């Protein structure tokens, strides 16, 4: 199952998986392109193993920083059923 995490102003969607039994979490990133296609990347946490399908070097630098800075949230939310599940666990 993939859970929504964030949408950037260029319509880039960032989602993450539930935590797998081995403790890994998949972060999936997808951006629509001008030709009606998509570019995408995925990162496996906690190893930070990346697969890039179409992003430039500079775009990947940005995405790597974004994922690194939010690693703890991805891991926490992956245990709680996504960001909305985490809200329930906080008593909201």
Protein backbone atom coordinates (compact mmCIF):
# COMPACT_ATOMS: atom_id res chain seq x y z
CA UNK A 1 0.00 0.00 0.00
CA UNK A 2 1.26 3.49 -0.84
CA UNK A 3 0.32 6.54 1.21
CA UNK A 4 0.34 10.20 0.08
CA UNK A 5 2.98 12.36 1.70
CA UNK A 6 3.39 15.61 -0.22
CA UNK A 7 2.56 17.38 -3.49
CA UNK A 8 5.04 20.01 -4.67
CA UNK A 9 4.08 23.14 -6.59
CA UNK A 10 5.15 21.55 -9.91
CA UNK A 11 2.65 18.68 -9.29
CA UNK A 12 5.35 16.28 -8.14
CA UNK A 13 3.67 13.62 -6.01
CA UNK A 14 5.59 11.98 -3.17
CA UNK A 15 4.22 8.81 -1.64
CA UNK A 16 5.58 6.13 0.66
CA UNK A 17 4.84 2.51 1.46
CA UNK A 18 3.93 0.89 4.70
CA UNK A 19 6.94 -0.52 6.52
CA UNK A 20 7.88 -3.92 5.13
CA UNK A 21 8.71 -6.81 7.49
CA UNK A 22 12.45 -6.25 6.89
CA UNK A 23 12.13 -2.63 8.12
CA UNK A 24 12.40 -0.98 4.71
CA UNK A 25 10.18 1.79 3.39
CA UNK A 26 9.77 2.70 -0.29
CA UNK A 27 9.48 6.40 -1.16
CA UNK A 28 8.09 6.97 -4.66
CA UNK A 29 8.30 10.31 -6.49
CA UNK A 30 6.56 11.14 -9.77
CA UNK A 31 6.39 14.34 -11.83
CA UNK A 32 4.29 14.93 -14.95
CA UNK A 33 6.26 16.16 -17.97
CA UNK A 34 5.25 18.59 -20.72
CA UNK A 35 4.79 15.75 -23.22
CA UNK A 36 2.10 14.05 -21.13
CA UNK A 37 4.46 11.44 -19.69
CA UNK A 38 6.02 11.12 -16.22
CA UNK A 39 9.47 10.99 -14.72
CA UNK A 40 9.89 9.08 -11.50
CA UNK A 41 12.31 7.99 -8.83
CA UNK A 42 12.15 5.67 -5.89
CA UNK A 43 14.22 5.50 -2.76
CA UNK A 44 14.42 2.59 -0.36
CA UNK A 45 14.94 3.56 3.26
CA UNK A 46 16.95 3.18 5.43
CA UNK A 47 19.61 2.29 2.80
CA UNK A 48 18.89 5.34 0.60
CA UNK A 49 19.08 3.12 -2.49
CA UNK A 50 17.81 5.16 -5.45
CA UNK A 51 16.40 4.36 -8.87
CA UNK A 52 16.03 7.35 -11.20
CA UNK A 53 13.80 7.36 -14.28
CA UNK A 54 14.16 10.75 -15.96
CA UNK A 55 15.20 13.34 -13.39
CA UNK A 56 18.23 15.54 -14.05
CA UNK A 57 21.28 15.58 -11.78
CA UNK A 58 20.12 18.81 -10.08
CA UNK A 59 16.58 17.52 -9.64
CA UNK A 60 17.94 14.39 -7.98
CA UNK A 61 20.08 16.49 -5.62
CA UNK A 62 16.92 18.29 -4.50
CA UNK A 63 14.93 15.06 -4.15
CA UNK A 64 17.70 13.36 -2.19
CA UNK A 65 17.81 16.27 0.27
CA UNK A 66 14.04 16.27 0.60
CA UNK A 67 13.93 12.55 1.40
CA UNK A 68 16.90 12.75 3.79
CA UNK A 69 15.37 15.64 5.72
CA UNK A 70 12.06 13.79 6.04
CA UNK A 71 13.36 10.26 6.65
CA UNK A 72 12.06 10.13 10.22
CA UNK A 73 8.58 11.15 9.07
CA UNK A 74 8.52 8.55 6.29
CA UNK A 75 9.49 5.84 8.78
CA UNK A 76 7.02 7.01 11.44
CA UNK A 77 4.13 7.36 9.01
CA UNK A 78 4.91 3.99 7.40
CA UNK A 79 4.16 2.36 10.77
CA UNK A 80 0.94 4.35 11.37
CA UNK A 81 -0.95 3.97 8.10
CA UNK A 82 0.30 7.16 6.46
CA UNK A 83 0.09 10.76 7.54
CA UNK A 84 -3.63 10.53 8.28
CA UNK A 85 -3.16 7.44 10.44
CA UNK A 86 -0.47 9.29 12.37
CA UNK A 87 -2.96 12.06 13.16
CA UNK A 88 -5.20 9.48 14.87
CA UNK A 89 -2.30 8.23 16.96
CA UNK A 90 -1.69 11.79 18.16
CA UNK A 91 -5.22 12.06 19.53
CA UNK A 92 -6.49 14.59 16.98
